[in-house]
Amino acid sequence: MSSQRSLLDSILDDGEIEAILVRVACPPGLMPYRHLGKSLRDLRHKGLLDHLKDKWGMHPAGEGGEYETMVLDCPQLFKRGRLVMDETEIICDSNDDGVGILKIVNWRVEKKNDIDESTNNDANERTLICCQITERVQATNSSLPSTSDDGRAENATKCFLQSMHAPNVQMMRGGLCHISAILSPVSCNEETNEADAAVREFLAVTQMLQQLLANLFLGDVPKTSSHDILYVHLYLSEMSHFAKINQHYVQFFGTHLPPSRACVAVGKGALPGGRRVMMDCILQRGSGGYLRSDGDSPDSDSYLNQAFQNKHHLLRKCLHVQSISHWAPVCIGPYSQANTLRSALVFLAGMIGLVPESMRFIEPTSSEVSSWEVQLCQSWKNAAAVLDGLDDGGRLMGGKLEDSLGALVYVSQTALESLLDVDDTDNYESVPWKRLWSRADIISRESLSCNGGIVMGIVDGSAPDAQPSDVDPSLYDEDGVLY
């Protein structure tokens, strides 16, 4: 695709600019009475600009004078209002009926607060839907029998504490959506086996998520489902619950092109209401169908159809390594190492200090270094290797660690205990938090500066032949060439 089209996509998608045509001079492609006043975004989505480029050689961004635009709104600059055209008039050139301008007769500035009222109404409607679904799932689970170890069914009302908690839903332009704090509406009490209670809560969480997807996006074609989820952050009270929960996780998300996932144990009693499971997720509407489509898109103006019309970038791409490799840890469960959105934003799965070749935790070679420190270094190295493995026809997509927008580092209680004196293991009033985070910060900064010791291009084979391993990787540029 031409740089002109790339420029246009960047302006409309990244800048979120709303613009209309106010002058056209491109007969017979753009005609005054047909296209003046039309949204530039709509003309692009309908494929007209690409069609005129292919047929007549027109510049998609109008750099050849084919059209001129006027910006009505740019959220990054226009904070208080947007322009609204109440009355316009089309004036054609007397010497050329293919050239015309849009004369603005009456216009006004519409305050953003007035516009946001409809947005607030949508948010309130989403909140109402979340509450209704929460109540529905709560009622369903309250009537379900639980099964004890000896197979006897017990009344679930005896082993559940009612506690309402609706998830948060944030919708963004382009079909991106963030659903956070998805919790079971009911929390099992201590009379129930902990692992079984965690499984029941997870099933309630997935039931809520399924109903949210079905009720929040009614007009989507194809219907929005778990296939459209590209990232999951799963919180457990205890990691010992993981094995049982993972069996049901597989059934919900499947094993083909699954979302990336980070799973962390936060400690008993840390989640709201004493729950054992909480989930956050990010989804891109239409992306599941995009990954699984053979290239045919629906006729409707859906997110899937818009994705196929956009030739500038891929809507979504997965990296799912399922076998032992020398560079990326194999997935422990059904998740992808990375999901890339719009050929730009990469959602990496959680990384731990496993050595890819052996799938065992790395061990320190010196008594002066703790195991958590070398595991943190290995985690950053694994993340850098996955980024380096992302490519699009030979074009590197993942970038380097220094390109990261953000990262979360979880450190276990064992790491804290390693910093305590032997006689002070029970004295948590003197826990050296600052010392712990200072060391973690130093390790992370060093890993970011040297890209985790990964030379760009080594993983996908685009870099020159392997460099000496005892040389500092930061001495090489992004193409693997010595500075």
Protein backbone atom coordinates (compact mmCIF):
# COMPACT_ATOMS: atom_id res chain seq x y z
CA MET A 1 0.00 0.00 0.00
CA SER A 2 1.27 3.45 -0.86
CA SER A 3 2.69 5.85 1.70
CA GLN A 4 -0.21 8.17 0.84
CA ARG A 5 -2.73 5.61 2.05
CA SER A 6 -0.59 4.91 5.13
CA LEU A 7 -0.62 8.63 5.90
CA LEU A 8 -4.40 8.78 5.52
CA ASP A 9 -4.90 5.78 7.81
CA SER A 10 -2.61 7.28 10.40
CA ILE A 11 -4.52 10.57 10.38
CA LEU A 12 -7.96 8.99 10.64
CA ASP A 13 -7.16 6.09 13.00
CA ASP A 14 -4.36 7.34 15.21
CA GLY A 15 -5.43 10.99 15.23
CA GLU A 16 -9.17 10.10 15.40
CA ILE A 17 -9.84 13.06 13.09
CA GLU A 18 -13.32 13.64 11.67
CA ALA A 19 -13.16 15.57 8.40
CA ILE A 20 -15.48 16.31 5.47
CA LEU A 21 -14.78 17.11 1.83
CA VAL A 22 -15.11 20.86 1.08
CA ARG A 23 -13.58 20.90 -2.41
CA VAL A 24 -13.33 18.25 -5.13
CA ALA A 25 -11.50 18.34 -8.45
CA CYS A 26 -11.25 14.74 -9.53
CA PRO A 27 -13.86 13.93 -12.20
CA PRO A 28 -15.26 11.44 -12.87
CA GLY A 29 -14.30 9.88 -9.51
CA LEU A 30 -15.28 12.60 -7.05
CA MET A 31 -18.30 14.69 -8.05
CA PRO A 32 -19.47 17.86 -6.27
CA TYR A 33 -23.13 16.97 -5.80
CA ARG A 34 -22.35 13.42 -4.76
CA HIS A 35 -19.31 13.74 -2.49
CA LEU A 36 -19.01 17.26 -1.10
CA GLY A 37 -19.82 17.31 2.60
CA LYS A 38 -19.22 13.56 2.90
CA SER A 39 -17.07 12.12 5.68
CA LEU A 40 -13.54 11.27 4.57
CA ARG A 41 -13.63 8.29 6.93
CA ASP A 42 -16.78 6.92 5.29
CA LEU A 43 -15.32 7.29 1.80
CA ARG A 44 -12.26 5.36 2.88
CA HIS A 45 -14.27 2.57 4.56
CA LYS A 46 -16.44 2.17 1.47
CA GLY A 47 -13.30 1.62 -0.60
CA LEU A 48 -13.90 4.55 -2.95
CA LEU A 49 -10.47 6.13 -2.43
CA ASP A 50 -8.69 2.82 -3.09
CA HIS A 51 -10.83 2.25 -6.18
CA LEU A 52 -9.97 5.67 -7.61
CA LYS A 53 -6.30 5.10 -6.91
CA ASP A 54 -6.28 1.77 -8.71
CA LYS A 55 -8.32 3.02 -11.66
CA TRP A 56 -7.16 6.62 -12.13
CA GLY A 57 -3.96 6.88 -10.05
CA MET A 58 -5.54 9.30 -7.57
CA HIS A 59 -3.62 10.08 -4.40
CA PRO A 60 -5.64 8.53 -1.53
CA ALA A 61 -4.72 11.42 0.78
CA GLY A 62 -5.58 14.04 -1.86
CA GLU A 63 -2.01 15.28 -2.15
CA GLY A 64 -2.47 15.74 -5.90
CA GLY A 65 -5.21 18.34 -5.36
CA GLU A 66 -8.03 15.81 -5.91
CA TYR A 67 -9.86 17.00 -2.82
CA GLU A 68 -9.58 19.27 0.19
CA THR A 69 -11.08 18.74 3.62
CA MET A 70 -12.13 20.60 6.73
CA VAL A 71 -11.64 19.10 10.18
CA LEU A 72 -14.78 19.00 12.31
CA ASP A 73 -13.31 17.25 15.31
CA CYS A 74 -9.94 16.14 16.62
CA PRO A 75 -10.27 14.82 20.20
CA GLN A 76 -6.57 15.30 20.89
CA LEU A 77 -6.80 19.04 20.14
CA PHE A 78 -10.47 20.05 20.34
CA LYS A 79 -11.19 19.50 24.03
CA ARG A 80 -14.32 21.61 24.48
CA GLY A 81 -16.31 21.32 21.28
CA ARG A 82 -16.64 20.25 17.66
CA LEU A 83 -17.84 22.02 14.50
CA VAL A 84 -21.34 21.26 13.19
CA MET A 85 -22.48 22.33 9.73
CA ASP A 86 -26.15 23.34 9.94
CA GLU A 87 -26.50 24.69 6.39
CA THR A 88 -24.22 24.32 3.37
CA GLU A 89 -24.39 25.07 -0.35
CA ILE A 90 -22.62 23.36 -3.23
CA ILE A 91 -21.07 25.68 -5.82
CA CYS A 92 -19.73 24.23 -9.06
CA ASP A 93 -17.08 25.74 -11.28
CA SER A 94 -18.79 27.39 -14.26
CA ASN A 95 -16.08 26.07 -16.57
CA ASP A 96 -15.89 22.55 -15.18
CA ASP A 97 -18.84 20.78 -13.58
CA GLY A 98 -16.43 18.25 -12.06
CA VAL A 99 -14.92 20.88 -9.79
CA GLY A 100 -16.85 22.30 -6.87
CA ILE A 101 -16.65 23.70 -3.36
CA LEU A 102 -18.83 23.43 -0.29
CA LYS A 103 -19.97 26.86 0.85
CA ILE A 104 -20.70 26.97 4.58
CA VAL A 105 -23.77 29.12 5.23
CA ASN A 106 -24.49 28.38 8.90
CA TRP A 107 -22.33 26.58 11.41
CA ARG A 108 -21.90 26.30 15.15
CA VAL A 109 -19.69 24.83 17.84
CA GLU A 110 -21.29 21.99 19.72
CA LYS A 111 -19.95 21.62 23.25
CA LYS A 112 -18.32 18.33 24.08
CA ASN A 113 -20.38 18.12 27.28
CA ASP A 114 -23.54 17.98 25.16
CA ILE A 115 -22.00 15.30 22.98
CA ASP A 116 -20.77 13.33 25.97
CA GLU A 117 -24.32 13.09 27.29
CA SER A 118 -25.10 10.36 24.78
CA THR A 119 -21.82 8.67 25.67
CA ASN A 120 -22.77 8.81 29.33
CA ASN A 121 -26.14 7.34 28.48
CA ASP A 122 -24.39 4.47 26.71
CA ALA A 123 -22.16 3.96 29.74
CA ASN A 124 -25.17 3.98 32.06
CA GLU A 125 -26.89 1.43 29.83
CA ARG A 126 -23.80 -0.78 29.93
CA THR A 127 -23.72 -0.52 33.72
CA LEU A 128 -27.39 -1.50 33.89
CA ILE A 129 -26.75 -4.51 31.64
CA CYS A 130 -23.81 -5.55 33.82
CA CYS A 131 -25.94 -5.36 36.96
CA GLN A 132 -28.79 -7.30 35.36
CA ILE A 133 -26.41 -10.04 34.21
CA THR A 134 -24.78 -10.13 37.64
CA GLU A 135 -28.19 -10.66 39.27
CA ARG A 136 -29.08 -13.31 36.69
CA VAL A 137 -25.87 -15.26 37.20
CA GLN A 138 -26.19 -14.87 40.95
CA ALA A 139 -29.68 -16.38 40.88
CA THR A 140 -28.51 -19.21 38.63
CA ASN A 141 -25.57 -20.15 40.81
CA SER A 142 -27.53 -19.82 44.04
CA SER A 143 -29.85 -22.56 42.85
CA LEU A 144 -27.11 -24.93 41.69
CA PRO A 145 -26.34 -27.90 43.95
CA SER A 146 -22.77 -28.46 45.05
CA THR A 147 -21.28 -31.91 45.23
CA SER A 148 -19.31 -33.05 48.25
CA ASP A 149 -16.36 -35.43 48.08
CA ASP A 150 -18.59 -38.45 48.72
CA GLY A 151 -20.90 -37.50 45.84
CA ARG A 152 -23.81 -36.15 47.89
CA ALA A 153 -25.53 -33.03 46.62
CA GLU A 154 -25.80 -30.19 49.05
CA ASN A 155 -27.95 -27.10 49.00
CA ALA A 156 -25.86 -24.33 47.46
CA THR A 157 -27.57 -21.69 49.58
CA LYS A 158 -25.66 -23.09 52.56
CA CYS A 159 -22.25 -22.68 50.99
CA PHE A 160 -22.62 -19.32 49.24
CA LEU A 161 -22.45 -15.81 50.60
CA GLN A 162 -24.38 -13.30 48.50
CA SER A 163 -22.20 -10.38 47.40
CA MET A 164 -23.10 -8.26 44.36
CA HIS A 165 -20.25 -6.92 42.26
CA ALA A 166 -20.78 -5.77 38.65
CA PRO A 167 -17.82 -5.72 36.23
CA ASN A 168 -16.48 -2.56 34.61
CA VAL A 169 -16.83 -2.12 30.85
CA GLN A 170 -14.84 0.45 28.87
CA MET A 171 -15.55 0.71 25.15
CA MET A 172 -13.18 2.50 22.81
CA ARG A 173 -13.27 3.55 19.19
CA GLY A 174 -12.57 0.93 16.59
CA GLY A 175 -14.22 -1.91 18.52
CA LEU A 176 -11.64 -2.25 21.28
CA CYS A 177 -13.16 -3.05 24.66
CA HIS A 178 -11.78 -3.58 28.17
CA ILE A 179 -13.84 -5.59 30.68
CA SER A 180 -12.34 -5.63 34.16
CA ALA A 181 -13.07 -6.96 37.64
CA ILE A 182 -15.22 -9.86 36.45
CA LEU A 183 -16.08 -11.69 39.65
CA SER A 184 -18.47 -14.40 40.65
CA PRO A 185 -21.63 -12.76 42.05
CA VAL A 186 -21.46 -15.29 44.88
CA SER A 187 -18.52 -16.35 47.02
CA CYS A 188 -18.20 -19.81 48.53
CA ASN A 189 -17.65 -19.89 52.28
CA GLU A 190 -14.99 -21.85 54.11
CA GLU A 191 -17.16 -24.95 54.45
CA THR A 192 -16.51 -25.77 50.80
CA ASN A 193 -13.29 -27.32 49.48
CA GLU A 194 -11.07 -24.42 48.39
CA ALA A 195 -10.11 -25.76 44.96
CA ASP A 196 -13.70 -26.77 44.14
CA ALA A 197 -14.93 -23.38 45.33
CA ALA A 198 -12.43 -21.67 43.03
CA VAL A 199 -13.66 -23.76 40.09
CA ARG A 200 -17.28 -22.82 40.82
CA GLU A 201 -16.35 -19.15 40.95
CA PHE A 202 -14.44 -19.43 37.66
CA LEU A 203 -17.46 -21.04 35.97
CA ALA A 204 -19.61 -18.16 37.21
CA VAL A 205 -17.04 -15.68 35.87
CA THR A 206 -17.07 -17.25 32.39
CA GLN A 207 -20.88 -17.40 32.49
CA MET A 208 -20.99 -13.68 33.22
CA LEU A 209 -18.45 -12.93 30.48
CA GLN A 210 -20.40 -14.97 27.94
CA GLN A 211 -23.62 -13.11 28.73
CA LEU A 212 -21.85 -9.75 28.63
CA LEU A 213 -20.55 -10.49 25.14
CA ALA A 214 -24.01 -11.59 24.02
CA ASN A 215 -25.84 -8.54 25.43
CA LEU A 216 -23.40 -5.67 24.93
CA PHE A 217 -22.73 -6.20 21.22
CA LEU A 218 -26.10 -7.18 19.80
CA GLY A 219 -25.53 -5.90 16.25
CA ASP A 220 -22.12 -7.43 15.58
CA VAL A 221 -21.70 -9.67 12.52
CA PRO A 222 -20.41 -12.25 13.24
CA LYS A 223 -21.51 -12.25 16.87
CA THR A 224 -18.88 -11.21 19.37
CA SER A 225 -17.63 -14.20 21.35
CA SER A 226 -14.68 -15.46 23.37
CA HIS A 227 -12.79 -15.78 20.06
CA ASP A 228 -12.58 -11.96 19.97
CA ILE A 229 -10.74 -11.79 23.30
CA LEU A 230 -7.04 -11.18 22.72
CA TYR A 231 -5.75 -10.80 26.28
CA VAL A 232 -6.76 -12.25 29.66
CA HIS A 233 -5.44 -11.30 33.09
CA LEU A 234 -6.47 -14.05 35.51
CA TYR A 235 -6.13 -13.51 39.26
CA LEU A 236 -6.25 -16.49 41.64
CA SER A 237 -6.15 -16.51 45.41
CA GLU A 238 -3.85 -19.55 45.34
CA MET A 239 -1.83 -21.01 42.48
CA SER A 240 -2.71 -24.50 43.71
CA HIS A 241 -6.16 -23.92 42.15
CA PHE A 242 -4.66 -23.41 38.69
CA ALA A 243 -4.69 -27.02 37.46
CA LYS A 244 -8.40 -27.54 38.08
CA ILE A 245 -9.38 -24.12 36.76
CA ASN A 246 -7.25 -24.56 33.64
CA GLN A 247 -9.33 -27.58 32.59
CA HIS A 248 -12.42 -25.35 32.37
CA TYR A 249 -10.41 -22.47 30.88
CA VAL A 250 -9.59 -24.74 27.92
CA GLN A 251 -13.26 -25.49 27.36
CA PHE A 252 -14.22 -21.79 27.33
CA PHE A 253 -11.42 -20.30 25.21
CA GLY A 254 -10.43 -23.33 23.14
CA THR A 255 -6.93 -24.21 21.97
CA HIS A 256 -6.94 -22.67 18.48
CA LEU A 257 -5.61 -19.08 18.32
CA PRO A 258 -6.34 -18.39 22.00
CA PRO A 259 -5.80 -15.05 23.76
CA SER A 260 -2.56 -14.19 25.51
CA ARG A 261 -2.79 -14.68 29.25
CA ALA A 262 -1.15 -13.59 32.47
CA CYS A 263 -2.09 -15.66 35.52
CA VAL A 264 -0.99 -14.61 39.00
CA ALA A 265 -1.77 -15.74 42.54
CA VAL A 266 -2.41 -12.71 44.76
CA GLY A 267 -2.95 -14.44 48.10
CA LYS A 268 -5.92 -15.63 50.07
CA GLY A 269 -8.33 -12.84 50.98
CA ALA A 270 -6.76 -10.32 48.57
CA LEU A 271 -9.61 -10.33 46.01
CA PRO A 272 -12.86 -8.41 46.67
CA GLY A 273 -15.33 -10.17 48.96
CA GLY A 274 -12.89 -12.94 49.77
CA ARG A 275 -13.24 -14.41 46.30
CA ARG A 276 -10.79 -16.83 44.76
CA VAL A 277 -10.99 -15.81 41.07
CA MET A 278 -11.11 -12.52 39.18
CA MET A 279 -10.62 -11.83 35.48
CA ASP A 280 -9.83 -8.84 33.30
CA CYS A 281 -9.88 -9.11 29.53
CA ILE A 282 -9.35 -7.03 26.40
CA LEU A 283 -11.26 -7.80 23.22
CA GLN A 284 -11.33 -6.50 19.68
CA ARG A 285 -14.71 -6.90 18.04
CA GLY A 286 -14.43 -8.79 14.77
CA SER A 287 -10.91 -10.05 15.45
CA GLY A 288 -11.94 -13.65 16.10
CA GLY A 289 -13.66 -13.86 12.74
CA TYR A 290 -10.71 -12.09 11.14
CA LEU A 291 -8.26 -14.74 12.36
CA ARG A 292 -10.50 -17.62 11.31
CA SER A 293 -11.80 -16.21 8.03
CA ASP A 294 -10.82 -17.42 4.58
CA GLY A 295 -10.90 -13.86 3.30
CA ASP A 296 -14.66 -13.46 2.75
CA SER A 297 -16.17 -10.62 4.76
CA PRO A 298 -19.85 -9.89 5.48
CA ASP A 299 -21.64 -7.24 3.43
CA SER A 300 -22.62 -5.29 6.55
CA ASP A 301 -20.62 -2.35 7.89
CA SER A 302 -19.17 -4.54 10.65
CA TYR A 303 -15.79 -4.35 12.33
CA LEU A 304 -14.81 -7.49 10.45
CA ASN A 305 -15.72 -5.95 7.09
CA GLN A 306 -13.85 -2.74 7.95
CA ALA A 307 -10.78 -4.80 8.85
CA PHE A 308 -10.74 -6.50 5.45
CA GLN A 309 -11.20 -3.15 3.70
CA ASN A 310 -8.17 -1.73 5.51
CA LYS A 311 -5.05 -2.83 3.64
CA HIS A 312 -2.69 -0.80 5.80
CA HIS A 313 -2.44 -3.22 8.71
CA LEU A 314 -3.66 -6.56 10.03
CA LEU A 315 -6.44 -6.37 12.56
CA ARG A 316 -5.01 -9.16 14.70
CA LYS A 317 -2.26 -11.75 14.61
CA CYS A 318 -1.34 -14.53 17.07
CA LEU A 319 1.96 -16.10 18.00
CA HIS A 320 1.17 -19.51 19.50
CA VAL A 321 4.26 -21.71 20.03
CA GLN A 322 3.16 -25.15 21.21
CA SER A 323 6.42 -27.12 21.02
CA ILE A 324 9.74 -26.94 22.83
CA SER A 325 11.97 -24.30 21.24
CA HIS A 326 15.28 -22.63 22.02
CA TRP A 327 13.79 -19.16 22.33
CA ALA A 328 10.22 -19.15 23.74
CA PRO A 329 8.75 -21.10 26.66
CA VAL A 330 6.03 -23.48 25.52
CA CYS A 331 2.53 -22.52 26.65
CA ILE A 332 1.48 -24.06 29.96
CA GLY A 333 -2.19 -24.13 29.06
CA PRO A 334 -4.19 -22.73 26.16
CA TYR A 335 -2.77 -19.27 25.57
CA SER A 336 -0.72 -17.49 22.92
CA GLN A 337 2.66 -15.96 23.66
CA ALA A 338 1.54 -12.76 21.93
CA ASN A 339 -1.47 -11.18 20.24
CA THR A 340 -0.72 -8.22 17.97
CA LEU A 341 -3.45 -5.66 17.34
CA ARG A 342 -3.46 -3.56 14.13
CA SER A 343 0.14 -4.59 13.37
CA ALA A 344 1.33 -2.30 16.14
CA LEU A 345 0.17 -2.98 19.71
CA VAL A 346 1.48 -6.25 21.16
CA PHE A 347 -0.16 -7.96 24.14
CA LEU A 348 2.44 -10.30 25.62
CA ALA A 349 1.55 -13.26 27.80
CA GLY A 350 2.93 -13.41 31.32
CA MET A 351 6.55 -14.54 31.45
CA ILE A 352 8.27 -16.52 34.21
CA GLY A 353 11.88 -17.58 34.64
CA LEU A 354 11.73 -20.82 32.64
CA VAL A 355 14.60 -21.80 30.36
CA PRO A 356 12.87 -22.53 26.99
CA GLU A 357 15.00 -25.57 26.07
CA SER A 358 14.39 -27.43 29.34
CA MET A 359 11.20 -25.74 30.64
CA ARG A 360 12.82 -25.63 34.07
CA PHE A 361 13.39 -22.61 36.28
CA ILE A 362 16.79 -21.06 35.86
CA GLU A 363 19.08 -21.45 38.86
CA PRO A 364 21.68 -18.96 40.13
CA THR A 365 25.34 -19.84 39.60
CA SER A 366 26.51 -17.76 42.54
CA SER A 367 25.50 -17.71 46.19
CA GLU A 368 25.51 -13.92 46.05
CA VAL A 369 22.49 -13.90 43.73
CA SER A 370 19.00 -15.01 44.73
CA SER A 371 16.90 -17.33 42.59
CA TRP A 372 14.20 -14.68 42.14
CA GLU A 373 16.77 -12.29 40.65
CA VAL A 374 17.94 -14.67 37.93
CA GLN A 375 14.31 -15.67 37.27
CA LEU A 376 13.41 -12.01 36.75
CA CYS A 377 16.30 -11.64 34.28
CA GLN A 378 15.15 -14.77 32.44
CA SER A 379 11.57 -13.48 32.34
CA TRP A 380 12.70 -10.29 30.60
CA LYS A 381 14.85 -12.35 28.22
CA ASN A 382 11.85 -14.54 27.33
CA ALA A 383 9.73 -11.45 26.69
CA ALA A 384 12.39 -9.98 24.40
CA ALA A 385 12.69 -13.27 22.50
CA VAL A 386 8.94 -13.41 21.87
CA LEU A 387 8.97 -9.81 20.61
CA ASP A 388 11.85 -10.66 18.29
CA GLY A 389 9.92 -13.65 16.97
CA LEU A 390 7.06 -11.48 15.74
CA ASP A 391 7.44 -10.79 12.05
CA ASP A 392 5.23 -9.98 9.08
CA GLY A 393 6.72 -11.28 5.88
CA GLY A 394 10.24 -10.48 6.97
CA ARG A 395 9.32 -7.12 8.49
CA LEU A 396 10.00 -7.06 12.23
CA MET A 397 6.84 -6.22 14.16
CA GLY A 398 7.60 -6.81 17.82
CA GLY A 399 10.27 -4.23 18.42
CA LYS A 400 12.44 -4.21 21.53
CA LEU A 401 11.76 -4.13 25.27
CA GLU A 402 12.50 -0.41 25.33
CA ASP A 403 9.41 0.10 23.13
CA SER A 404 7.14 -1.23 25.89
CA LEU A 405 4.29 0.98 27.03
CA GLY A 406 4.06 -0.76 30.37
CA ALA A 407 4.82 -3.92 32.30
CA LEU A 408 3.85 -5.46 35.63
CA VAL A 409 6.43 -7.28 37.75
CA TYR A 410 5.06 -9.66 40.38
CA VAL A 411 7.44 -10.77 43.12
CA SER A 412 6.61 -13.65 45.45
CA GLN A 413 6.78 -13.77 49.22
CA THR A 414 9.77 -16.09 48.85
CA ALA A 415 11.71 -13.19 47.33
CA LEU A 416 10.95 -11.12 50.41
CA GLU A 417 12.03 -13.89 52.73
CA SER A 418 15.34 -14.18 50.90
CA LEU A 419 16.15 -10.63 51.98
CA LEU A 420 15.31 -11.19 55.65
CA ASP A 421 17.76 -12.28 58.26
CA VAL A 422 17.42 -15.89 59.33
CA ASP A 423 16.23 -14.86 62.79
CA ASP A 424 13.69 -12.38 61.37
CA THR A 425 11.68 -14.65 59.02
CA ASP A 426 8.54 -14.09 61.12
CA ASN A 427 9.09 -10.40 61.70
CA TYR A 428 7.30 -8.82 58.75
CA GLU A 429 7.33 -5.41 60.37
CA SER A 430 10.93 -5.13 59.20
CA VAL A 431 10.29 -6.38 55.67
CA PRO A 432 12.81 -4.58 53.39
CA TRP A 433 10.30 -3.52 50.73
CA LYS A 434 12.46 -0.69 49.45
CA ARG A 435 15.43 -2.98 49.11
CA LEU A 436 13.36 -5.55 47.23
CA TRP A 437 11.81 -3.13 44.76
CA SER A 438 15.08 -1.28 44.32
CA ARG A 439 16.78 -4.50 43.22
CA ALA A 440 13.85 -5.46 40.96
CA ASP A 441 13.94 -1.99 39.43
CA ILE A 442 17.67 -2.23 38.71
CA ILE A 443 17.29 -5.64 37.05
CA SER A 444 14.34 -4.44 34.96
CA ARG A 445 16.11 -1.27 33.83
CA GLU A 446 19.21 -3.23 32.83
CA SER A 447 17.06 -5.71 30.89
CA LEU A 448 15.26 -2.90 29.10
CA SER A 449 18.53 -1.22 28.15
CA CYS A 450 20.08 -4.37 26.63
CA ASN A 451 16.82 -5.92 25.36
CA GLY A 452 17.12 -8.81 27.81
CA GLY A 453 20.34 -9.93 26.13
CA ILE A 454 18.48 -10.71 22.89
CA VAL A 455 20.04 -9.37 19.68
CA MET A 456 17.34 -8.17 17.30
CA GLY A 457 16.76 -10.55 14.40
CA ILE A 458 18.35 -13.64 15.95
CA VAL A 459 15.07 -15.42 16.68
CA ASP A 460 13.52 -15.10 13.23
CA GLY A 461 16.84 -15.50 11.45
CA SER A 462 16.96 -12.10 9.78
CA ALA A 463 20.10 -10.98 11.61
CA PRO A 464 23.64 -11.89 10.49
CA ASP A 465 25.23 -15.12 11.68
CA ALA A 466 25.34 -15.57 15.44
CA GLN A 467 27.58 -13.16 17.28
CA PRO A 468 29.96 -14.25 20.07
CA SER A 469 27.83 -14.97 23.13
CA ASP A 470 30.32 -13.44 25.58
CA VAL A 471 29.99 -9.98 24.04
CA ASP A 472 27.53 -7.52 25.57
CA PRO A 473 24.39 -7.58 23.32
CA SER A 474 23.94 -3.83 23.82
CA LEU A 475 27.04 -3.35 21.64
CA TYR A 476 24.98 -4.34 18.60
CA ASP A 477 22.44 -2.24 16.77
CA GLU A 478 18.88 -3.39 16.04
CA ASP A 479 20.06 -5.28 12.94
CA GLY A 480 22.63 -7.27 14.90
CA VAL A 481 25.58 -5.32 13.53
CA LEU A 482 28.43 -4.34 15.87
CA TYR A 483 28.48 -0.59 16.51
